[in-house]
Amino acid sequence: MTELKICVGSACHLKGSTEVIDIFKNCVEKRKISDKVEITGAFCLGHCTEAVSVCLDDKIYSVTPESAEEFFDTHVMTSLCEEFI
């Protein structure tokens, strides 16, 4: 299972972490992969100036609500595919 952690700390919250979470949840539902992706919140990923911070496969990324769906398709779906290779 792929774990996707989204920071919900102060800086990330102000930059739209709630919206990013909603977009990721929608992506999971649309792609029918709820059994393969776990979305969790984190209180600080240590990259506050780069908010919204997202952790995937032990790497930290900066994601905006505007880039969230593209990030999901590019990084999360690739991660899922790599699990099955």
C-alpha atoms as a PDB file:
ATOM      1  CA  MET A   1       0.000   0.000   0.000  1.00  0.00           C
ATOM      2  CA  THR A   2       1.253   3.471  -0.856  1.00  0.00           C
ATOM      3  CA  GLU A   3       1.120   5.985   2.006  1.00  0.00           C
ATOM      4  CA  LEU A   4       0.602   9.627   1.142  1.00  0.00           C
ATOM      5  CA  LYS A   5       1.221  12.011   4.076  1.00  0.00           C
ATOM      6  CA  ILE A   6      -0.001  15.595   3.821  1.00  0.00           C
ATOM      7  CA  CYS A   7       1.151  18.194   6.323  1.00  0.00           C
ATOM      8  CA  VAL A   8      -1.716  19.887   8.134  1.00  0.00           C
ATOM      9  CA  GLY A   9       0.455  22.171  10.257  1.00  0.00           C
ATOM     10  CA  SER A  10      -0.075  25.940  10.332  1.00  0.00           C
ATOM     11  CA  ALA A  11       1.916  26.965   7.242  1.00  0.00           C
ATOM     12  CA  CYS A  12       0.582  24.122   5.114  1.00  0.00           C
ATOM     13  CA  HIS A  13      -2.961  24.674   6.331  1.00  0.00           C
ATOM     14  CA  LEU A  14      -2.776  28.325   5.286  1.00  0.00           C
ATOM     15  CA  LYS A  15      -1.443  27.298   1.845  1.00  0.00           C
ATOM     16  CA  GLY A  16      -4.318  24.857   1.222  1.00  0.00           C
ATOM     17  CA  SER A  17      -3.527  21.453   2.724  1.00  0.00           C
ATOM     18  CA  THR A  18      -7.216  20.746   3.336  1.00  0.00           C
ATOM     19  CA  GLU A  19      -7.967  21.334  -0.328  1.00  0.00           C
ATOM     20  CA  VAL A  20      -5.000  19.167  -1.371  1.00  0.00           C
ATOM     21  CA  ILE A  21      -6.316  16.344   0.834  1.00  0.00           C
ATOM     22  CA  ASP A  22      -9.779  16.658  -0.725  1.00  0.00           C
ATOM     23  CA  ILE A  23      -8.290  16.562  -4.227  1.00  0.00           C
ATOM     24  CA  PHE A  24      -6.211  13.478  -3.377  1.00  0.00           C
ATOM     25  CA  LYS A  25      -9.284  11.744  -1.905  1.00  0.00           C
ATOM     26  CA  ASN A  26     -11.210  12.530  -5.066  1.00  0.00           C
ATOM     27  CA  CYS A  27      -8.359  11.127  -7.184  1.00  0.00           C
ATOM     28  CA  VAL A  28      -8.395   7.897  -5.171  1.00  0.00           C
ATOM     29  CA  GLU A  29     -12.167   7.559  -5.551  1.00  0.00           C
ATOM     30  CA  LYS A  30     -12.189   8.339  -9.291  1.00  0.00           C
ATOM     31  CA  ARG A  31      -9.420   5.812  -9.959  1.00  0.00           C
ATOM     32  CA  LYS A  32     -10.966   3.193  -7.632  1.00  0.00           C
ATOM     33  CA  ILE A  33      -7.701   2.597  -5.788  1.00  0.00           C
ATOM     34  CA  SER A  34      -8.784   3.025  -2.166  1.00  0.00           C
ATOM     35  CA  ASP A  35      -7.290  -0.383  -1.390  1.00  0.00           C
ATOM     36  CA  LYS A  36      -3.889   0.771  -2.683  1.00  0.00           C
ATOM     37  CA  VAL A  37      -3.457   4.337  -1.344  1.00  0.00           C
ATOM     38  CA  GLU A  38      -3.646   5.510   2.241  1.00  0.00           C
ATOM     39  CA  ILE A  39      -3.967   9.260   2.827  1.00  0.00           C
ATOM     40  CA  THR A  40      -2.858  10.492   6.231  1.00  0.00           C
ATOM     41  CA  GLY A  41      -2.234  13.840   7.863  1.00  0.00           C
ATOM     42  CA  ALA A  42       1.057  14.881   9.450  1.00  0.00           C
ATOM     43  CA  PHE A  43       1.683  17.855  11.701  1.00  0.00           C
ATOM     44  CA  CYS A  44       5.059  18.895  10.358  1.00  0.00           C
ATOM     45  CA  LEU A  45       7.265  17.486   7.654  1.00  0.00           C
ATOM     46  CA  GLY A  46       9.968  20.111   8.205  1.00  0.00           C
ATOM     47  CA  HIS A  47       9.512  22.060   4.978  1.00  0.00           C
ATOM     48  CA  CYS A  48       7.221  24.838   6.160  1.00  0.00           C
ATOM     49  CA  THR A  49       8.485  27.427   3.678  1.00  0.00           C
ATOM     50  CA  GLU A  50       7.664  25.082   0.789  1.00  0.00           C
ATOM     51  CA  ALA A  51       4.096  24.348   1.874  1.00  0.00           C
ATOM     52  CA  VAL A  52       1.959  22.317   1.181  1.00  0.00           C
ATOM     53  CA  SER A  53       4.377  19.517   2.069  1.00  0.00           C
ATOM     54  CA  VAL A  54       3.536  16.008   0.923  1.00  0.00           C
ATOM     55  CA  CYS A  55       5.540  12.889   1.761  1.00  0.00           C
ATOM     56  CA  LEU A  56       5.526   9.978  -0.679  1.00  0.00           C
ATOM     57  CA  ASP A  57       8.043   7.122  -0.583  1.00  0.00           C
ATOM     58  CA  ASP A  58      10.109   9.005   2.040  1.00  0.00           C
ATOM     59  CA  LYS A  59      10.515  12.031  -0.255  1.00  0.00           C
ATOM     60  CA  ILE A  60       9.046  15.459   0.491  1.00  0.00           C
ATOM     61  CA  TYR A  61       7.303  17.380  -2.286  1.00  0.00           C
ATOM     62  CA  SER A  62       5.711  20.804  -2.419  1.00  0.00           C
ATOM     63  CA  VAL A  63       2.160  20.613  -3.779  1.00  0.00           C
ATOM     64  CA  THR A  64      -0.428  23.331  -4.316  1.00  0.00           C
ATOM     65  CA  PRO A  65      -4.143  22.814  -4.742  1.00  0.00           C
ATOM     66  CA  GLU A  66      -3.630  23.753  -8.395  1.00  0.00           C
ATOM     67  CA  SER A  67      -0.931  21.102  -8.921  1.00  0.00           C
ATOM     68  CA  ALA A  68      -2.414  18.356  -6.715  1.00  0.00           C
ATOM     69  CA  GLU A  69      -4.134  16.266  -9.390  1.00  0.00           C
ATOM     70  CA  GLU A  70      -1.115  16.419 -11.705  1.00  0.00           C
ATOM     71  CA  PHE A  71       1.136  15.439  -8.777  1.00  0.00           C
ATOM     72  CA  PHE A  72      -1.156  12.510  -8.030  1.00  0.00           C
ATOM     73  CA  ASP A  73      -1.058  11.258 -11.607  1.00  0.00           C
ATOM     74  CA  THR A  74       2.671  11.800 -12.007  1.00  0.00           C
ATOM     75  CA  HIS A  75       4.003  10.633  -8.650  1.00  0.00           C
ATOM     76  CA  VAL A  76       1.404   8.573  -6.801  1.00  0.00           C
ATOM     77  CA  MET A  77       0.256   6.527  -9.784  1.00  0.00           C
ATOM     78  CA  THR A  78       3.901   5.928 -10.782  1.00  0.00           C
ATOM     79  CA  SER A  79       4.654   4.772  -7.233  1.00  0.00           C
ATOM     80  CA  LEU A  80       1.741   2.350  -7.407  1.00  0.00           C
ATOM     81  CA  CYS A  81       2.937   0.937 -10.708  1.00  0.00           C
ATOM     82  CA  GLU A  82       6.467   0.476  -9.328  1.00  0.00           C
ATOM     83  CA  GLU A  83       5.086  -1.580  -6.423  1.00  0.00           C
ATOM     84  CA  PHE A  84       3.869  -4.209  -8.865  1.00  0.00           C
ATOM     85  CA  ILE A  85       6.986  -4.447 -11.036  1.00  0.00           C
END
